[in-house]
């Protein structure tokens, strides 16, 4: 049986090759990236950013550091595996229990158990939401509701609606340079 291995340099090379000279000049000026994510599971956007920054270095661009400002993830059905996985792969500065960007400006850091301000100076923000709620395969499907819906405002909507609304509130309020929303 033929085995396929993931070649991280292939996709980064394709992206790099598609950049024009002005975009490459802008990348040469960048020295520091502040990153944060909410409910991104295995943190694929963070890993992709790390791979792209590594490719830039291999192509003689100045070193760019990535500050992993925060992550949030709820425990899975089987327990706290998702947060344990994140902390094993890359320990963010702050780990929040859940997304709460739309409701407050501070939260509890699960590393320290202290109440901390939610970072707002993010350059790259990524967020995902529960696909199970809105999947056509789900026997317990929930409608994806807009943020102004009464169930979302009262906290009685499905997890997908709540997470998506909180993520959109964070983007609207803090205006990161880049926002990646994935489901």
N, C-alpha and C. Protein backbone atom coordinates (compact mmCIF):
# COMPACT_ATOMS: atom_id res chain seq x y z
N UNK A 1 0.85 -1.18 0.00
CA UNK A 1 0.00 0.00 0.00
C UNK A 1 0.89 1.23 0.00
N UNK A 2 0.57 2.18 -0.84
CA UNK A 2 1.36 3.41 -0.95
C UNK A 2 1.07 4.33 0.22
N UNK A 3 2.14 4.86 0.81
CA UNK A 3 1.96 5.78 1.93
C UNK A 3 2.23 7.21 1.45
N UNK A 4 1.42 8.12 1.91
CA UNK A 4 1.59 9.53 1.60
C UNK A 4 2.05 10.25 2.86
N UNK A 5 3.10 11.03 2.75
CA UNK A 5 3.55 11.81 3.90
C UNK A 5 3.28 13.27 3.62
N UNK A 6 2.96 14.00 4.66
CA UNK A 6 2.68 15.42 4.53
C UNK A 6 3.99 16.18 4.41
N UNK A 7 4.11 16.95 3.36
CA UNK A 7 5.31 17.74 3.13
C UNK A 7 4.96 19.20 3.42
N UNK A 8 5.35 19.66 4.60
CA UNK A 8 4.98 21.02 5.00
C UNK A 8 5.62 22.06 4.10
N UNK A 9 6.76 21.74 3.50
CA UNK A 9 7.42 22.75 2.68
C UNK A 9 6.71 22.95 1.36
N UNK A 10 5.91 21.96 0.91
CA UNK A 10 5.23 22.13 -0.37
C UNK A 10 4.21 23.26 -0.34
N UNK A 11 3.29 23.22 0.61
CA UNK A 11 2.25 24.25 0.63
C UNK A 11 2.83 25.62 0.94
N UNK A 12 3.84 25.67 1.81
CA UNK A 12 4.43 26.97 2.12
C UNK A 12 5.16 27.53 0.91
N UNK A 13 5.79 26.66 0.13
CA UNK A 13 6.47 27.11 -1.10
C UNK A 13 5.47 27.64 -2.12
N UNK A 14 4.32 26.99 -2.21
CA UNK A 14 3.28 27.46 -3.14
C UNK A 14 2.80 28.85 -2.73
N UNK A 15 2.53 29.03 -1.43
CA UNK A 15 2.08 30.33 -0.93
C UNK A 15 3.16 31.38 -1.15
N UNK A 16 4.39 31.05 -0.79
CA UNK A 16 5.49 32.00 -0.95
C UNK A 16 5.67 32.38 -2.42
N UNK A 17 5.57 31.41 -3.31
CA UNK A 17 5.72 31.67 -4.74
C UNK A 17 4.63 32.55 -5.31
N UNK A 18 3.47 32.57 -4.67
CA UNK A 18 2.35 33.39 -5.16
C UNK A 18 2.43 34.84 -4.71
N UNK A 19 3.36 35.15 -3.81
CA UNK A 19 3.48 36.53 -3.31
C UNK A 19 4.14 37.42 -4.36
N UNK A 20 3.65 38.66 -4.45
CA UNK A 20 4.30 39.61 -5.35
C UNK A 20 5.43 40.33 -4.61
N UNK A 21 6.18 41.17 -5.29
CA UNK A 21 7.35 41.81 -4.69
C UNK A 21 6.96 42.73 -3.53
N UNK A 22 5.83 43.42 -3.61
CA UNK A 22 5.39 44.29 -2.51
C UNK A 22 5.05 43.48 -1.27
N UNK A 23 4.38 42.34 -1.45
CA UNK A 23 4.04 41.48 -0.31
C UNK A 23 5.31 40.93 0.34
N UNK A 24 6.28 40.55 -0.47
CA UNK A 24 7.54 40.05 0.08
C UNK A 24 8.29 41.17 0.82
N UNK A 25 8.22 42.40 0.28
CA UNK A 25 8.87 43.53 0.96
C UNK A 25 8.20 43.78 2.31
N UNK A 26 6.88 43.66 2.38
CA UNK A 26 6.17 43.82 3.65
C UNK A 26 6.57 42.74 4.65
N UNK A 27 6.75 41.52 4.17
CA UNK A 27 7.18 40.43 5.05
C UNK A 27 8.58 40.68 5.61
N UNK A 28 9.44 41.32 4.82
CA UNK A 28 10.80 41.60 5.28
C UNK A 28 10.80 42.61 6.44
N UNK A 29 9.77 43.43 6.55
CA UNK A 29 9.68 44.43 7.62
C UNK A 29 9.10 43.85 8.91
N UNK A 30 8.44 42.72 8.83
CA UNK A 30 7.78 42.12 9.99
C UNK A 30 8.81 41.42 10.86
N UNK A 31 8.81 41.70 12.16
CA UNK A 31 9.74 41.06 13.08
C UNK A 31 9.04 40.26 14.18
N UNK A 32 7.77 40.58 14.42
CA UNK A 32 7.08 39.98 15.56
C UNK A 32 5.59 39.82 15.20
N UNK A 33 5.03 38.67 15.50
CA UNK A 33 3.62 38.40 15.26
C UNK A 33 2.99 37.98 16.58
N UNK A 34 1.89 38.64 16.96
CA UNK A 34 1.12 38.25 18.13
C UNK A 34 -0.04 37.38 17.62
N UNK A 35 -0.17 36.19 18.19
CA UNK A 35 -1.16 35.23 17.73
C UNK A 35 -2.07 34.82 18.89
N UNK A 36 -3.34 34.62 18.60
CA UNK A 36 -4.29 34.11 19.58
C UNK A 36 -5.36 33.30 18.87
N UNK A 37 -5.91 32.30 19.54
CA UNK A 37 -6.98 31.54 18.91
C UNK A 37 -8.00 31.05 19.93
N UNK A 38 -9.17 30.79 19.42
CA UNK A 38 -10.28 30.26 20.21
C UNK A 38 -10.81 29.00 19.55
N UNK A 39 -10.85 27.94 20.32
CA UNK A 39 -11.47 26.69 19.89
C UNK A 39 -10.96 26.22 18.53
N UNK A 40 -9.65 26.25 18.36
CA UNK A 40 -9.11 25.83 17.07
C UNK A 40 -8.63 24.38 17.11
N UNK A 41 -9.05 23.62 18.09
CA UNK A 41 -8.73 22.20 18.15
C UNK A 41 -7.23 21.96 18.26
N UNK A 42 -6.66 21.35 17.24
CA UNK A 42 -5.24 21.01 17.24
C UNK A 42 -4.37 22.21 16.88
N UNK A 43 -4.96 23.38 16.74
CA UNK A 43 -4.25 24.63 16.45
C UNK A 43 -3.52 24.58 15.10
N UNK A 44 -4.19 24.06 14.10
CA UNK A 44 -3.61 23.99 12.76
C UNK A 44 -3.20 25.36 12.22
N UNK A 45 -3.99 26.43 12.43
CA UNK A 45 -3.54 27.74 11.93
C UNK A 45 -2.22 28.19 12.56
N UNK A 46 -2.03 27.91 13.85
CA UNK A 46 -0.78 28.27 14.52
C UNK A 46 0.39 27.49 13.92
N UNK A 47 0.18 26.20 13.71
CA UNK A 47 1.23 25.37 13.12
C UNK A 47 1.55 25.84 11.70
N UNK A 48 0.53 26.19 10.94
CA UNK A 48 0.77 26.69 9.58
C UNK A 48 1.58 27.98 9.61
N UNK A 49 1.27 28.86 10.53
CA UNK A 49 2.03 30.11 10.65
C UNK A 49 3.48 29.81 11.01
N UNK A 50 3.70 28.88 11.92
CA UNK A 50 5.06 28.50 12.29
C UNK A 50 5.83 27.94 11.09
N UNK A 51 5.18 27.12 10.29
CA UNK A 51 5.83 26.55 9.11
C UNK A 51 6.16 27.64 8.09
N UNK A 52 5.26 28.60 7.92
CA UNK A 52 5.50 29.67 6.95
C UNK A 52 6.66 30.57 7.40
N UNK A 53 6.71 30.88 8.68
CA UNK A 53 7.81 31.69 9.22
C UNK A 53 9.14 30.95 9.05
N UNK A 54 9.14 29.64 9.24
CA UNK A 54 10.36 28.84 9.04
C UNK A 54 10.80 28.90 7.57
N UNK A 55 9.84 28.86 6.65
CA UNK A 55 10.18 28.96 5.23
C UNK A 55 10.79 30.33 4.92
N UNK A 56 10.26 31.39 5.52
CA UNK A 56 10.83 32.72 5.31
C UNK A 56 12.29 32.74 5.73
N UNK A 57 12.60 32.15 6.87
CA UNK A 57 13.99 32.12 7.33
C UNK A 57 14.88 31.35 6.36
N UNK A 58 14.36 30.23 5.84
CA UNK A 58 15.14 29.46 4.87
C UNK A 58 15.39 30.25 3.59
N UNK A 59 14.54 31.26 3.33
CA UNK A 59 14.68 32.09 2.14
C UNK A 59 15.33 33.44 2.47
N UNK A 60 16.12 33.46 3.52
CA UNK A 60 16.94 34.62 3.91
C UNK A 60 16.14 35.84 4.33
N UNK A 61 14.94 35.63 4.84
CA UNK A 61 14.18 36.73 5.42
C UNK A 61 14.63 36.89 6.86
N UNK A 62 14.50 38.09 7.43
CA UNK A 62 14.86 38.27 8.83
C UNK A 62 13.99 37.38 9.73
N UNK A 63 14.54 37.01 10.87
CA UNK A 63 13.81 36.17 11.81
C UNK A 63 12.55 36.88 12.30
N UNK A 64 11.44 36.15 12.30
CA UNK A 64 10.16 36.65 12.79
C UNK A 64 9.77 35.78 13.98
N UNK A 65 9.54 36.41 15.12
CA UNK A 65 9.10 35.65 16.29
C UNK A 65 7.57 35.65 16.35
N UNK A 66 7.04 34.56 16.86
CA UNK A 66 5.59 34.44 17.04
C UNK A 66 5.33 34.37 18.54
N UNK A 67 4.58 35.33 19.05
CA UNK A 67 4.20 35.31 20.45
C UNK A 67 2.82 34.66 20.55
N UNK A 68 2.77 33.52 21.19
CA UNK A 68 1.54 32.74 21.34
C UNK A 68 0.76 33.31 22.53
N UNK A 69 -0.03 34.34 22.26
CA UNK A 69 -0.68 35.13 23.32
C UNK A 69 -1.73 34.36 24.11
N UNK A 70 -2.66 33.66 23.41
CA UNK A 70 -3.70 32.94 24.13
C UNK A 70 -4.34 31.87 23.26
N UNK A 71 -4.97 30.94 23.94
CA UNK A 71 -5.80 29.92 23.31
C UNK A 71 -6.97 29.65 24.24
N UNK A 72 -8.03 29.15 23.69
CA UNK A 72 -9.13 28.66 24.51
C UNK A 72 -9.63 27.37 23.89
N UNK A 73 -10.06 26.48 24.74
CA UNK A 73 -10.61 25.22 24.27
C UNK A 73 -11.43 24.63 25.39
N UNK A 74 -12.58 24.11 25.05
CA UNK A 74 -13.43 23.46 26.04
C UNK A 74 -13.05 21.99 26.13
N UNK A 75 -13.26 21.37 27.27
CA UNK A 75 -12.99 19.93 27.37
C UNK A 75 -13.85 19.17 26.37
N UNK A 76 -13.36 18.06 25.87
CA UNK A 76 -14.12 17.22 24.96
C UNK A 76 -15.04 16.28 25.72
N UNK A 77 -15.79 15.49 24.99
CA UNK A 77 -16.70 14.52 25.60
C UNK A 77 -15.96 13.53 26.48
N UNK A 78 -14.73 13.25 26.13
CA UNK A 78 -13.93 12.26 26.87
C UNK A 78 -13.08 12.89 27.97
N UNK A 79 -13.23 14.18 28.21
CA UNK A 79 -12.43 14.84 29.24
C UNK A 79 -11.62 16.00 28.70
N UNK A 80 -10.51 16.29 29.36
CA UNK A 80 -9.74 17.48 29.04
C UNK A 80 -8.62 17.23 28.03
N UNK A 81 -8.77 16.25 27.18
CA UNK A 81 -7.77 15.93 26.17
C UNK A 81 -7.40 17.08 25.25
N UNK A 82 -8.38 17.86 24.75
CA UNK A 82 -8.02 18.94 23.82
C UNK A 82 -7.04 19.96 24.42
N UNK A 83 -7.26 20.40 25.66
CA UNK A 83 -6.35 21.37 26.27
C UNK A 83 -5.00 20.73 26.59
N UNK A 84 -5.01 19.48 27.02
CA UNK A 84 -3.75 18.79 27.28
C UNK A 84 -2.92 18.68 26.00
N UNK A 85 -3.59 18.38 24.89
CA UNK A 85 -2.90 18.29 23.60
C UNK A 85 -2.26 19.62 23.24
N UNK A 86 -3.02 20.70 23.37
CA UNK A 86 -2.50 22.04 23.05
C UNK A 86 -1.28 22.34 23.91
N UNK A 87 -1.38 22.10 25.21
CA UNK A 87 -0.26 22.40 26.11
C UNK A 87 0.97 21.53 25.84
N UNK A 88 0.77 20.31 25.33
CA UNK A 88 1.90 19.47 24.98
C UNK A 88 2.58 19.96 23.70
N UNK A 89 1.80 20.43 22.75
CA UNK A 89 2.35 20.86 21.47
C UNK A 89 2.99 22.24 21.53
N UNK A 90 2.32 23.15 22.17
CA UNK A 90 2.79 24.53 22.24
C UNK A 90 2.03 25.21 23.37
N UNK A 91 2.71 25.60 24.38
CA UNK A 91 2.04 26.17 25.55
C UNK A 91 1.79 27.66 25.32
N UNK A 92 0.53 28.06 25.09
CA UNK A 92 0.25 29.49 24.92
C UNK A 92 0.47 30.25 26.23
N UNK A 93 0.72 31.55 26.13
CA UNK A 93 0.91 32.38 27.33
C UNK A 93 -0.27 32.26 28.28
N UNK A 94 -1.49 32.27 27.72
CA UNK A 94 -2.72 32.16 28.52
C UNK A 94 -3.59 31.08 27.91
N UNK A 95 -4.16 30.22 28.76
CA UNK A 95 -5.12 29.22 28.29
C UNK A 95 -6.45 29.51 28.98
N UNK A 96 -7.43 29.92 28.19
CA UNK A 96 -8.77 30.17 28.71
C UNK A 96 -9.60 28.90 28.59
N UNK A 97 -10.56 28.74 29.51
CA UNK A 97 -11.41 27.55 29.49
C UNK A 97 -12.36 27.57 28.30
N UNK A 98 -12.89 28.72 27.98
CA UNK A 98 -13.85 28.79 26.88
C UNK A 98 -13.79 30.18 26.26
N UNK A 99 -14.47 30.30 25.15
CA UNK A 99 -14.54 31.58 24.46
C UNK A 99 -15.50 32.48 25.21
N UNK A 100 -15.07 33.69 25.50
CA UNK A 100 -15.94 34.63 26.21
C UNK A 100 -15.64 36.05 25.76
N UNK A 101 -15.15 36.19 24.57
CA UNK A 101 -14.72 37.49 24.08
C UNK A 101 -15.87 38.48 23.94
N UNK A 102 -17.04 38.00 23.59
CA UNK A 102 -18.16 38.91 23.40
C UNK A 102 -18.73 39.42 24.70
N UNK A 103 -18.50 38.70 25.79
CA UNK A 103 -19.15 39.02 27.05
C UNK A 103 -18.28 39.80 28.02
N UNK A 104 -16.97 39.69 27.91
CA UNK A 104 -16.14 40.32 28.91
C UNK A 104 -14.78 40.72 28.34
N UNK A 105 -14.00 41.40 29.16
CA UNK A 105 -12.65 41.81 28.75
C UNK A 105 -11.58 41.09 29.56
N UNK A 106 -12.00 40.16 30.43
CA UNK A 106 -11.04 39.39 31.20
C UNK A 106 -11.57 37.98 31.41
N UNK A 107 -10.68 37.09 31.81
CA UNK A 107 -11.06 35.71 32.03
C UNK A 107 -10.03 35.04 32.92
N UNK A 108 -10.27 33.78 33.27
CA UNK A 108 -9.36 33.04 34.13
C UNK A 108 -8.36 32.26 33.29
N UNK A 109 -7.08 32.45 33.59
CA UNK A 109 -6.01 31.70 32.94
C UNK A 109 -5.91 30.35 33.63
N UNK A 110 -6.10 29.28 32.88
CA UNK A 110 -6.07 27.94 33.47
C UNK A 110 -4.68 27.52 33.93
N UNK A 111 -3.62 28.16 33.41
CA UNK A 111 -2.26 27.86 33.86
C UNK A 111 -2.03 28.37 35.29
N UNK A 112 -2.51 29.58 35.56
CA UNK A 112 -2.22 30.24 36.84
C UNK A 112 -3.43 30.33 37.77
N UNK A 113 -4.62 30.09 37.23
CA UNK A 113 -5.89 30.25 37.96
C UNK A 113 -6.13 31.70 38.37
N UNK A 114 -5.47 32.65 37.68
CA UNK A 114 -5.65 34.07 37.98
C UNK A 114 -6.54 34.70 36.93
N UNK A 115 -7.24 35.75 37.36
CA UNK A 115 -8.08 36.54 36.46
C UNK A 115 -7.16 37.46 35.66
N UNK A 116 -7.20 37.39 34.33
CA UNK A 116 -6.30 38.17 33.48
C UNK A 116 -7.09 38.88 32.38
N UNK A 117 -6.50 39.98 31.89
CA UNK A 117 -7.10 40.68 30.76
C UNK A 117 -6.94 39.85 29.50
N UNK A 118 -7.95 39.87 28.65
CA UNK A 118 -7.88 39.17 27.38
C UNK A 118 -7.00 40.00 26.44
N UNK A 119 -5.94 39.42 25.88
CA UNK A 119 -5.07 40.17 24.98
C UNK A 119 -5.85 40.76 23.80
N UNK A 120 -5.55 42.00 23.51
CA UNK A 120 -6.26 42.70 22.43
C UNK A 120 -5.34 43.11 21.29
N UNK A 121 -4.04 43.03 21.48
CA UNK A 121 -3.09 43.48 20.46
C UNK A 121 -2.65 42.32 19.58
N UNK A 122 -3.61 41.58 19.06
CA UNK A 122 -3.34 40.39 18.26
C UNK A 122 -3.20 40.78 16.79
N UNK A 123 -2.18 40.25 16.15
CA UNK A 123 -2.05 40.44 14.71
C UNK A 123 -2.83 39.36 13.95
N UNK A 124 -2.70 38.10 14.42
CA UNK A 124 -3.39 36.97 13.77
C UNK A 124 -4.29 36.32 14.81
N UNK A 125 -5.57 36.22 14.48
CA UNK A 125 -6.56 35.60 15.35
C UNK A 125 -7.25 34.49 14.55
N UNK A 126 -7.35 33.31 15.14
CA UNK A 126 -8.03 32.19 14.50
C UNK A 126 -9.10 31.64 15.44
N UNK A 127 -10.19 31.17 14.87
CA UNK A 127 -11.27 30.61 15.69
C UNK A 127 -12.01 29.54 14.91
N UNK A 128 -12.52 28.56 15.63
CA UNK A 128 -13.35 27.52 15.05
C UNK A 128 -14.55 27.31 15.94
N UNK A 129 -15.51 26.56 15.47
CA UNK A 129 -16.69 26.28 16.29
C UNK A 129 -17.11 24.84 16.06
N UNK A 130 -17.91 24.33 16.97
CA UNK A 130 -18.31 22.93 16.97
C UNK A 130 -19.05 22.59 15.69
N UNK A 131 -18.52 21.65 14.93
CA UNK A 131 -19.20 21.27 13.69
C UNK A 131 -20.37 20.33 13.97
N UNK A 132 -20.31 19.61 15.08
CA UNK A 132 -21.35 18.65 15.43
C UNK A 132 -22.73 19.32 15.52
N UNK A 133 -22.77 20.54 16.04
CA UNK A 133 -24.05 21.25 16.18
C UNK A 133 -24.75 21.47 14.85
N UNK A 134 -23.99 21.78 13.83
CA UNK A 134 -24.60 22.19 12.56
C UNK A 134 -24.46 21.14 11.47
N UNK A 135 -23.89 19.99 11.78
CA UNK A 135 -23.70 18.93 10.79
C UNK A 135 -25.03 18.30 10.40
N UNK A 136 -25.19 18.02 9.12
CA UNK A 136 -26.40 17.32 8.66
C UNK A 136 -26.42 15.87 9.14
N UNK A 137 -25.27 15.38 9.61
CA UNK A 137 -25.18 14.00 10.11
C UNK A 137 -25.59 13.90 11.58
N UNK A 138 -25.74 15.02 12.26
CA UNK A 138 -26.06 15.03 13.68
C UNK A 138 -27.53 14.75 13.94
N UNK A 139 -27.80 13.88 14.91
CA UNK A 139 -29.18 13.64 15.33
C UNK A 139 -29.68 14.74 16.27
N UNK A 140 -28.77 15.58 16.75
CA UNK A 140 -29.12 16.65 17.69
C UNK A 140 -28.70 18.00 17.10
N UNK A 141 -28.98 18.17 15.83
CA UNK A 141 -28.56 19.37 15.11
C UNK A 141 -29.21 20.63 15.70
N UNK A 142 -28.40 21.69 15.75
CA UNK A 142 -28.88 22.97 16.25
C UNK A 142 -28.68 24.00 15.14
N UNK A 143 -29.56 24.95 15.09
CA UNK A 143 -29.49 26.00 14.08
C UNK A 143 -28.35 26.96 14.43
N UNK A 144 -27.58 27.37 13.42
CA UNK A 144 -26.54 28.38 13.62
C UNK A 144 -27.24 29.74 13.61
N UNK A 145 -27.28 30.37 14.76
CA UNK A 145 -28.05 31.60 14.94
C UNK A 145 -27.15 32.82 14.90
N UNK A 146 -27.67 33.96 14.42
CA UNK A 146 -26.88 35.20 14.42
C UNK A 146 -26.70 35.73 15.85
N UNK A 147 -25.68 36.53 16.04
CA UNK A 147 -25.34 37.05 17.36
C UNK A 147 -26.43 37.87 18.01
N UNK A 148 -27.32 38.48 17.21
CA UNK A 148 -28.37 39.30 17.81
C UNK A 148 -29.63 38.50 18.15
N UNK A 149 -29.62 37.20 17.93
CA UNK A 149 -30.77 36.35 18.25
C UNK A 149 -30.91 36.27 19.77
N UNK A 150 -32.13 36.24 20.26
CA UNK A 150 -32.40 36.22 21.70
C UNK A 150 -31.73 35.02 22.39
N UNK A 151 -31.71 33.85 21.75
CA UNK A 151 -31.09 32.67 22.37
C UNK A 151 -29.57 32.86 22.51
N UNK A 152 -28.95 33.52 21.56
CA UNK A 152 -27.51 33.76 21.64
C UNK A 152 -27.23 34.78 22.74
N UNK A 153 -27.98 35.87 22.75
CA UNK A 153 -27.78 36.91 23.76
C UNK A 153 -27.99 36.39 25.17
N UNK A 154 -28.92 35.44 25.34
CA UNK A 154 -29.21 34.92 26.69
C UNK A 154 -28.32 33.72 27.05
N UNK A 155 -27.50 33.25 26.11
CA UNK A 155 -26.62 32.12 26.38
C UNK A 155 -27.30 30.77 26.25
N UNK A 156 -28.46 30.72 25.58
CA UNK A 156 -29.21 29.47 25.45
C UNK A 156 -29.13 28.85 24.06
N UNK A 157 -28.25 29.34 23.22
CA UNK A 157 -28.10 28.78 21.88
C UNK A 157 -27.08 27.64 21.94
N UNK A 158 -26.95 26.91 20.84
CA UNK A 158 -25.96 25.83 20.77
C UNK A 158 -24.54 26.38 20.85
N UNK A 159 -23.59 25.49 21.14
CA UNK A 159 -22.19 25.89 21.29
C UNK A 159 -21.65 26.56 20.03
N UNK A 160 -22.07 26.10 18.85
CA UNK A 160 -21.58 26.71 17.60
C UNK A 160 -21.98 28.18 17.52
N UNK A 161 -23.23 28.46 17.80
CA UNK A 161 -23.70 29.85 17.73
C UNK A 161 -22.99 30.72 18.76
N UNK A 162 -22.84 30.19 19.98
CA UNK A 162 -22.19 30.96 21.05
C UNK A 162 -20.73 31.24 20.69
N UNK A 163 -20.00 30.23 20.22
CA UNK A 163 -18.59 30.40 19.90
C UNK A 163 -18.41 31.34 18.72
N UNK A 164 -19.18 31.13 17.67
CA UNK A 164 -19.06 32.00 16.50
C UNK A 164 -19.38 33.44 16.87
N UNK A 165 -20.43 33.67 17.66
CA UNK A 165 -20.78 35.02 18.07
C UNK A 165 -19.66 35.65 18.90
N UNK A 166 -19.11 34.91 19.86
CA UNK A 166 -18.03 35.45 20.68
C UNK A 166 -16.81 35.79 19.84
N UNK A 167 -16.49 34.93 18.88
CA UNK A 167 -15.35 35.18 17.99
C UNK A 167 -15.57 36.43 17.15
N UNK A 168 -16.76 36.57 16.62
CA UNK A 168 -17.08 37.75 15.81
C UNK A 168 -17.04 39.03 16.66
N UNK A 169 -17.47 38.93 17.91
CA UNK A 169 -17.40 40.09 18.81
C UNK A 169 -15.94 40.48 19.07
N UNK A 170 -15.09 39.48 19.25
CA UNK A 170 -13.67 39.77 19.47
C UNK A 170 -13.09 40.48 18.24
N UNK A 171 -13.39 39.96 17.06
CA UNK A 171 -12.88 40.57 15.82
C UNK A 171 -13.39 41.99 15.67
N UNK A 172 -14.68 42.18 15.90
CA UNK A 172 -15.28 43.52 15.75
C UNK A 172 -14.68 44.51 16.74
N UNK A 173 -14.49 44.08 17.97
CA UNK A 173 -14.00 44.96 19.03
C UNK A 173 -12.50 45.25 18.91
N UNK A 174 -11.69 44.24 18.57
CA UNK A 174 -10.24 44.40 18.66
C UNK A 174 -9.52 44.46 17.31
N UNK A 175 -10.21 44.19 16.23
CA UNK A 175 -9.71 44.39 14.86
C UNK A 175 -8.31 43.81 14.62
N UNK A 176 -8.14 42.47 14.77
CA UNK A 176 -6.83 41.90 14.45
C UNK A 176 -6.52 42.12 12.96
N UNK A 177 -5.24 42.15 12.60
CA UNK A 177 -4.87 42.34 11.20
C UNK A 177 -5.40 41.22 10.32
N UNK A 178 -5.33 39.99 10.84
CA UNK A 178 -5.77 38.81 10.09
C UNK A 178 -6.68 37.99 10.99
N UNK A 179 -7.83 37.59 10.47
CA UNK A 179 -8.73 36.72 11.20
C UNK A 179 -9.02 35.49 10.34
N UNK A 180 -8.85 34.32 10.92
CA UNK A 180 -9.11 33.07 10.22
C UNK A 180 -10.24 32.36 10.96
N UNK A 181 -11.38 32.16 10.29
CA UNK A 181 -12.51 31.45 10.88
C UNK A 181 -12.66 30.14 10.13
N UNK A 182 -12.69 29.04 10.87
CA UNK A 182 -12.80 27.75 10.19
C UNK A 182 -13.78 26.87 10.92
N UNK A 183 -14.43 25.99 10.15
CA UNK A 183 -15.35 25.03 10.73
C UNK A 183 -15.10 23.70 10.05
